[in-house]
Amino acid sequence: MSTQQWRPGRRVIICGGSPGAVSARLAFLSRGFDVRIYEKQPECKAIGGAVLLSTPVMSILRSNGIDISQWGEYVVTYFKNGKGDVRTKLPFSPMVETQMGIKGWHRGILRSSAFRQMLDLVPKGVIHTGHEFESYTGMDDGVQYRFTNGQSIEGDVLVGADGIRSSVSRQAFGDPGLFHTGIRLYLAWCDQITDVPPNHGTLYHD
């Protein structure tokens, strides 16, 4: 299904074309593995709006070749209750800042912007869209991965990166019993507000 290398002992199949899947692919590639990503949708795209990335995540992505230099400003994050009283301030370590070379602990960025940079590092022929997972079978020397279109592929490692309702995880561990908590998040852009300090973020909840 691909002309790229597919060497026994180094074959990694990733189910799903999410940011997590592409990040895993970049990490496996840096260790000399052959990786193929299979996504059921016609294209790979990030779902959701903004995301708050922590220093360890940014460090990993940077080590995989992602340029994080334009990923917004660092944020000092506070948690407050509905009355505005501070519950806690998320600390960050100056030593970690120095060692990582990344200011602060969090950076906010649109998922689509970050994912676009990640996809730019994936060579053609690695991502196969229109391939929906059906089932897998563990074998003595690897795993067989089957699609709903009747095709199949064999590999050595199977990574389930097909979302919160992962079909791979469901086969491996059963129904996770997910339910909606009722939480809603809203995203808005605005100019600098005079009374809000720069690099300052607040999460309100009771």
C-alpha atoms as a PDB file:
ATOM      1  CA  MET A   1       0.000   0.000   0.000  1.00  0.00           C
ATOM      2  CA  SER A   2       3.089   2.243  -0.036  1.00  0.00           C
ATOM      3  CA  THR A   3       6.429   2.254  -1.812  1.00  0.00           C
ATOM      4  CA  GLN A   4       8.193   3.488   1.325  1.00  0.00           C
ATOM      5  CA  GLN A   5      10.352   1.184   3.419  1.00  0.00           C
ATOM      6  CA  TRP A   6       8.455  -1.379   5.464  1.00  0.00           C
ATOM      7  CA  ARG A   7      11.116  -3.389   7.261  1.00  0.00           C
ATOM      8  CA  PRO A   8      10.137  -6.272   9.563  1.00  0.00           C
ATOM      9  CA  GLY A   9      10.916  -5.376  13.152  1.00  0.00           C
ATOM     10  CA  ARG A  10      10.510  -1.632  12.503  1.00  0.00           C
ATOM     11  CA  ARG A  11       6.963  -1.402  11.112  1.00  0.00           C
ATOM     12  CA  VAL A  12       4.665   0.937  13.058  1.00  0.00           C
ATOM     13  CA  ILE A  13       0.985   1.261  12.135  1.00  0.00           C
ATOM     14  CA  ILE A  14      -0.794   4.318  13.533  1.00  0.00           C
ATOM     15  CA  CYS A  15      -4.584   4.295  13.529  1.00  0.00           C
ATOM     16  CA  GLY A  16      -5.922   7.837  13.180  1.00  0.00           C
ATOM     17  CA  GLY A  17      -4.590  11.038  11.667  1.00  0.00           C
ATOM     18  CA  SER A  18      -4.809  13.257  14.741  1.00  0.00           C
ATOM     19  CA  PRO A  19      -2.105  15.638  16.043  1.00  0.00           C
ATOM     20  CA  GLY A  20      -1.182  12.906  18.514  1.00  0.00           C
ATOM     21  CA  ALA A  21      -0.797  10.436  15.658  1.00  0.00           C
ATOM     22  CA  VAL A  22       1.461  12.738  13.660  1.00  0.00           C
ATOM     23  CA  SER A  23       3.501  13.571  16.767  1.00  0.00           C
ATOM     24  CA  ALA A  24       3.973   9.840  17.405  1.00  0.00           C
ATOM     25  CA  ARG A  25       5.016   9.367  13.797  1.00  0.00           C
ATOM     26  CA  LEU A  26       7.694  12.066  14.067  1.00  0.00           C
ATOM     27  CA  ALA A  27       9.003  10.500  17.287  1.00  0.00           C
ATOM     28  CA  PHE A  28       9.137   6.979  15.824  1.00  0.00           C
ATOM     29  CA  LEU A  29      10.821   8.286  12.679  1.00  0.00           C
ATOM     30  CA  SER A  30      13.564   9.939  14.730  1.00  0.00           C
ATOM     31  CA  ARG A  31      14.314   6.501  16.195  1.00  0.00           C
ATOM     32  CA  GLY A  32      14.611   4.795  12.831  1.00  0.00           C
ATOM     33  CA  PHE A  33      11.180   3.165  12.518  1.00  0.00           C
ATOM     34  CA  ASP A  34       9.047   2.852   9.383  1.00  0.00           C
ATOM     35  CA  VAL A  35       5.661   4.449  10.039  1.00  0.00           C
ATOM     36  CA  ARG A  36       2.325   4.554   8.225  1.00  0.00           C
ATOM     37  CA  ILE A  37      -0.718   6.518   9.356  1.00  0.00           C
ATOM     38  CA  TYR A  38      -4.254   5.434   8.437  1.00  0.00           C
ATOM     39  CA  GLU A  39      -7.119   7.925   8.775  1.00  0.00           C
ATOM     40  CA  LYS A  40     -10.776   7.180   8.001  1.00  0.00           C
ATOM     41  CA  GLN A  41     -11.635  10.752   6.958  1.00  0.00           C
ATOM     42  CA  PRO A  42     -10.754  12.207   3.521  1.00  0.00           C
ATOM     43  CA  GLU A  43      -8.105  14.426   5.133  1.00  0.00           C
ATOM     44  CA  CYS A  44      -6.266  14.878   8.410  1.00  0.00           C
ATOM     45  CA  LYS A  45      -7.347  17.964  10.313  1.00  0.00           C
ATOM     46  CA  ALA A  46      -7.300  19.192  13.883  1.00  0.00           C
ATOM     47  CA  ILE A  47     -10.625  19.254  15.729  1.00  0.00           C
ATOM     48  CA  GLY A  48     -11.262  22.098  18.146  1.00  0.00           C
ATOM     49  CA  GLY A  49     -10.078  25.670  18.549  1.00  0.00           C
ATOM     50  CA  ALA A  50      -7.227  26.795  20.747  1.00  0.00           C
ATOM     51  CA  VAL A  51      -5.027  24.582  22.879  1.00  0.00           C
ATOM     52  CA  LEU A  52      -2.774  25.400  25.829  1.00  0.00           C
ATOM     53  CA  LEU A  53       0.539  23.572  25.466  1.00  0.00           C
ATOM     54  CA  SER A  54       2.914  23.058  28.378  1.00  0.00           C
ATOM     55  CA  THR A  55       6.710  23.244  28.297  1.00  0.00           C
ATOM     56  CA  PRO A  56       7.317  19.444  28.135  1.00  0.00           C
ATOM     57  CA  VAL A  57       4.958  19.124  25.157  1.00  0.00           C
ATOM     58  CA  MET A  58       6.601  22.035  23.350  1.00  0.00           C
ATOM     59  CA  SER A  59      10.045  20.610  24.081  1.00  0.00           C
ATOM     60  CA  ILE A  60       9.076  17.255  22.563  1.00  0.00           C
ATOM     61  CA  LEU A  61       7.581  18.858  19.466  1.00  0.00           C
ATOM     62  CA  ARG A  62      10.652  21.065  19.057  1.00  0.00           C
ATOM     63  CA  SER A  63      12.935  18.016  19.275  1.00  0.00           C
ATOM     64  CA  ASN A  64      10.891  16.468  16.452  1.00  0.00           C
ATOM     65  CA  GLY A  65      11.589  19.423  14.180  1.00  0.00           C
ATOM     66  CA  ILE A  66       8.655  21.748  14.927  1.00  0.00           C
ATOM     67  CA  ASP A  67       9.441  25.480  15.029  1.00  0.00           C
ATOM     68  CA  ILE A  68       7.760  26.771  18.207  1.00  0.00           C
ATOM     69  CA  SER A  69       9.359  30.218  18.129  1.00  0.00           C
ATOM     70  CA  GLN A  70       6.147  31.867  16.901  1.00  0.00           C
ATOM     71  CA  TRP A  71       3.771  30.021  19.205  1.00  0.00           C
ATOM     72  CA  GLY A  72       2.473  33.069  21.022  1.00  0.00           C
ATOM     73  CA  GLU A  73       3.518  34.520  24.353  1.00  0.00           C
ATOM     74  CA  TYR A  74       4.055  32.595  27.558  1.00  0.00           C
ATOM     75  CA  VAL A  75       1.190  32.689  30.052  1.00  0.00           C
ATOM     76  CA  VAL A  76       1.164  32.854  33.840  1.00  0.00           C
ATOM     77  CA  THR A  77      -2.040  30.999  34.714  1.00  0.00           C
ATOM     78  CA  TYR A  78      -4.306  31.565  37.705  1.00  0.00           C
ATOM     79  CA  PHE A  79      -7.355  29.634  38.851  1.00  0.00           C
ATOM     80  CA  LYS A  80     -10.127  31.723  40.426  1.00  0.00           C
ATOM     81  CA  ASN A  81     -13.633  31.042  41.685  1.00  0.00           C
ATOM     82  CA  GLY A  82     -16.766  32.757  40.445  1.00  0.00           C
ATOM     83  CA  LYS A  83     -16.217  35.677  42.826  1.00  0.00           C
ATOM     84  CA  GLY A  84     -12.734  36.348  41.488  1.00  0.00           C
ATOM     85  CA  ASP A  85     -10.857  34.961  44.484  1.00  0.00           C
ATOM     86  CA  VAL A  86      -7.582  33.253  43.572  1.00  0.00           C
ATOM     87  CA  ARG A  87      -7.618  29.513  44.162  1.00  0.00           C
ATOM     88  CA  THR A  88      -4.066  28.907  43.009  1.00  0.00           C
ATOM     89  CA  LYS A  89      -1.352  30.076  40.653  1.00  0.00           C
ATOM     90  CA  LEU A  90       0.266  27.503  38.413  1.00  0.00           C
ATOM     91  CA  PRO A  91       3.963  27.647  39.272  1.00  0.00           C
ATOM     92  CA  PHE A  92       6.827  27.272  36.857  1.00  0.00           C
ATOM     93  CA  SER A  93      10.497  26.783  37.560  1.00  0.00           C
ATOM     94  CA  PRO A  94      13.216  29.213  36.394  1.00  0.00           C
ATOM     95  CA  MET A  95      15.565  26.219  36.240  1.00  0.00           C
ATOM     96  CA  VAL A  96      13.217  24.460  33.816  1.00  0.00           C
ATOM     97  CA  GLU A  97      13.023  27.632  31.734  1.00  0.00           C
ATOM     98  CA  THR A  98      16.816  27.752  31.507  1.00  0.00           C
ATOM     99  CA  GLN A  99      17.274  24.063  30.737  1.00  0.00           C
ATOM    100  CA  MET A 100      14.462  23.917  28.177  1.00  0.00           C
ATOM    101  CA  GLY A 101      15.122  27.325  26.668  1.00  0.00           C
ATOM    102  CA  ILE A 102      11.372  28.004  26.762  1.00  0.00           C
ATOM    103  CA  LYS A 103       9.948  30.942  28.687  1.00  0.00           C
ATOM    104  CA  GLY A 104       7.058  30.237  31.060  1.00  0.00           C
ATOM    105  CA  TRP A 105       5.015  27.064  31.389  1.00  0.00           C
ATOM    106  CA  HIS A 106       2.152  27.451  28.886  1.00  0.00           C
ATOM    107  CA  ARG A 107       1.667  28.777  25.367  1.00  0.00           C
ATOM    108  CA  GLY A 108      -1.679  29.195  23.652  1.00  0.00           C
ATOM    109  CA  ILE A 109      -2.030  28.371  19.960  1.00  0.00           C
ATOM    110  CA  LEU A 110      -4.735  27.341  17.521  1.00  0.00           C
ATOM    111  CA  ARG A 111      -4.754  23.585  17.025  1.00  0.00           C
ATOM    112  CA  SER A 112      -4.984  24.062  13.273  1.00  0.00           C
ATOM    113  CA  SER A 113      -1.837  26.227  13.209  1.00  0.00           C
ATOM    114  CA  ALA A 114       0.232  23.749  15.211  1.00  0.00           C
ATOM    115  CA  PHE A 115      -1.090  20.779  13.243  1.00  0.00           C
ATOM    116  CA  ARG A 116      -0.285  22.455   9.927  1.00  0.00           C
ATOM    117  CA  GLN A 117       3.370  22.708  10.962  1.00  0.00           C
ATOM    118  CA  MET A 118       3.391  19.065  11.992  1.00  0.00           C
ATOM    119  CA  LEU A 119       1.855  17.881   8.727  1.00  0.00           C
ATOM    120  CA  ASP A 120       4.470  19.830   6.767  1.00  0.00           C
ATOM    121  CA  LEU A 121       7.117  17.474   8.204  1.00  0.00           C
ATOM    122  CA  VAL A 122       5.343  14.301   7.063  1.00  0.00           C
ATOM    123  CA  PRO A 123       6.562  13.015   3.668  1.00  0.00           C
ATOM    124  CA  LYS A 124       4.092  12.026   0.967  1.00  0.00           C
ATOM    125  CA  GLY A 125       3.004   8.416   1.089  1.00  0.00           C
ATOM    126  CA  VAL A 126       3.003   8.153   4.885  1.00  0.00           C
ATOM    127  CA  ILE A 127      -0.609   9.216   5.517  1.00  0.00           C
ATOM    128  CA  HIS A 128      -3.348   7.079   3.962  1.00  0.00           C
ATOM    129  CA  THR A 129      -6.788   8.683   4.186  1.00  0.00           C
ATOM    130  CA  GLY A 130     -10.101   6.927   3.564  1.00  0.00           C
ATOM    131  CA  HIS A 131      -8.987   3.864   5.547  1.00  0.00           C
ATOM    132  CA  GLU A 132     -11.342   3.047   8.410  1.00  0.00           C
ATOM    133  CA  PHE A 133     -10.203   0.609  11.104  1.00  0.00           C
ATOM    134  CA  GLU A 134     -12.200  -2.604  11.420  1.00  0.00           C
ATOM    135  CA  SER A 135     -10.152  -4.843  13.719  1.00  0.00           C
ATOM    136  CA  TYR A 136      -6.690  -6.107  14.531  1.00  0.00           C
ATOM    137  CA  THR A 137      -5.235  -9.509  15.338  1.00  0.00           C
ATOM    138  CA  GLY A 138      -2.107 -10.038  17.395  1.00  0.00           C
ATOM    139  CA  MET A 139       0.340 -12.544  15.938  1.00  0.00           C
ATOM    140  CA  ASP A 140       3.551 -14.119  17.213  1.00  0.00           C
ATOM    141  CA  ASP A 141       5.639 -11.828  15.036  1.00  0.00           C
ATOM    142  CA  GLY A 142       3.490  -8.691  14.939  1.00  0.00           C
ATOM    143  CA  VAL A 143      -0.059  -7.533  14.304  1.00  0.00           C
ATOM    144  CA  GLN A 144      -2.486  -7.671  11.402  1.00  0.00           C
ATOM    145  CA  TYR A 145      -4.533  -4.501  10.896  1.00  0.00           C
ATOM    146  CA  ARG A 146      -7.769  -4.730   8.885  1.00  0.00           C
ATOM    147  CA  PHE A 147      -9.852  -2.019   7.242  1.00  0.00           C
ATOM    148  CA  THR A 148     -13.569  -1.854   6.493  1.00  0.00           C
ATOM    149  CA  ASN A 149     -12.741  -1.717   2.761  1.00  0.00           C
ATOM    150  CA  GLY A 150     -11.406  -5.280   2.940  1.00  0.00           C
ATOM    151  CA  GLN A 151      -7.724  -4.365   2.817  1.00  0.00           C
ATOM    152  CA  SER A 152      -5.220  -5.289   5.517  1.00  0.00           C
ATOM    153  CA  ILE A 153      -1.612  -4.678   6.478  1.00  0.00           C
ATOM    154  CA  GLU A 154       0.841  -6.338   8.834  1.00  0.00           C
ATOM    155  CA  GLY A 155       3.192  -4.513  11.170  1.00  0.00           C
ATOM    156  CA  ASP A 156       5.141  -4.883  14.392  1.00  0.00           C
ATOM    157  CA  VAL A 157       3.566  -2.125  16.500  1.00  0.00           C
ATOM    158  CA  LEU A 158       0.006  -0.760  16.460  1.00  0.00           C
ATOM    159  CA  VAL A 159      -0.666   2.692  17.927  1.00  0.00           C
ATOM    160  CA  GLY A 160      -4.274   3.672  18.596  1.00  0.00           C
ATOM    161  CA  ALA A 161      -4.471   7.436  18.004  1.00  0.00           C
ATOM    162  CA  ASP A 162      -8.033   7.534  16.707  1.00  0.00           C
ATOM    163  CA  GLY A 163      -9.560   9.874  19.260  1.00  0.00           C
ATOM    164  CA  ILE A 164     -11.384   9.696  22.557  1.00  0.00           C
ATOM    165  CA  ARG A 165     -13.741   7.048  21.137  1.00  0.00           C
ATOM    166  CA  SER A 166     -10.840   4.969  19.837  1.00  0.00           C
ATOM    167  CA  SER A 167     -11.897   1.788  18.058  1.00  0.00           C
ATOM    168  CA  VAL A 168      -8.467   0.293  18.727  1.00  0.00           C
ATOM    169  CA  SER A 169      -8.806   0.933  22.461  1.00  0.00           C
ATOM    170  CA  ARG A 170     -12.359  -0.404  22.441  1.00  0.00           C
ATOM    171  CA  GLN A 171     -11.173  -3.720  20.992  1.00  0.00           C
ATOM    172  CA  ALA A 172      -8.273  -3.883  23.440  1.00  0.00           C
ATOM    173  CA  PHE A 173     -10.034  -2.775  26.639  1.00  0.00           C
ATOM    174  CA  GLY A 174     -13.787  -2.795  25.977  1.00  0.00           C
ATOM    175  CA  ASP A 175     -16.363  -0.008  26.177  1.00  0.00           C
ATOM    176  CA  PRO A 176     -14.868   2.886  28.196  1.00  0.00           C
ATOM    177  CA  GLY A 177     -18.302   4.104  29.277  1.00  0.00           C
ATOM    178  CA  LEU A 178     -17.781   7.703  28.164  1.00  0.00           C
ATOM    179  CA  PHE A 179     -20.362  10.351  28.997  1.00  0.00           C
ATOM    180  CA  HIS A 180     -20.702  14.091  28.452  1.00  0.00           C
ATOM    181  CA  THR A 181     -19.916  16.208  31.512  1.00  0.00           C
ATOM    182  CA  GLY A 182     -21.760  19.278  30.262  1.00  0.00           C
ATOM    183  CA  ILE A 183     -18.660  21.511  30.204  1.00  0.00           C
ATOM    184  CA  ARG A 184     -18.518  24.171  27.482  1.00  0.00           C
ATOM    185  CA  LEU A 185     -15.467  26.203  26.469  1.00  0.00           C
ATOM    186  CA  TYR A 186     -15.663  29.466  24.554  1.00  0.00           C
ATOM    187  CA  LEU A 187     -12.837  31.111  22.625  1.00  0.00           C
ATOM    188  CA  ALA A 188     -12.646  34.777  21.679  1.00  0.00           C
ATOM    189  CA  TRP A 189      -9.973  37.152  20.404  1.00  0.00           C
ATOM    190  CA  CYS A 190      -9.608  40.746  21.568  1.00  0.00           C
ATOM    191  CA  ASP A 191      -7.143  43.626  21.756  1.00  0.00           C
ATOM    192  CA  GLN A 192      -5.027  44.164  24.858  1.00  0.00           C
ATOM    193  CA  ILE A 193      -7.284  45.014  27.821  1.00  0.00           C
ATOM    194  CA  THR A 194      -5.894  47.841  29.950  1.00  0.00           C
ATOM    195  CA  ASP A 195      -6.652  46.251  33.319  1.00  0.00           C
ATOM    196  CA  VAL A 196      -5.323  42.801  32.387  1.00  0.00           C
ATOM    197  CA  PRO A 197      -1.534  42.408  32.727  1.00  0.00           C
ATOM    198  CA  PRO A 198       0.373  40.994  29.735  1.00  0.00           C
ATOM    199  CA  ASN A 199       1.152  37.251  29.843  1.00  0.00           C
ATOM    200  CA  HIS A 200      -1.655  36.767  32.348  1.00  0.00           C
ATOM    201  CA  GLY A 201      -4.281  34.022  32.094  1.00  0.00           C
ATOM    202  CA  THR A 202      -7.177  33.199  34.403  1.00  0.00           C
ATOM    203  CA  LEU A 203      -9.457  30.170  34.540  1.00  0.00           C
ATOM    204  CA  TYR A 204     -12.687  30.770  36.453  1.00  0.00           C
ATOM    205  CA  HIS A 205     -14.629  27.861  37.913  1.00  0.00           C
ATOM    206  CA  ASP A 206     -16.599  26.852  41.029  1.00  0.00           C
END
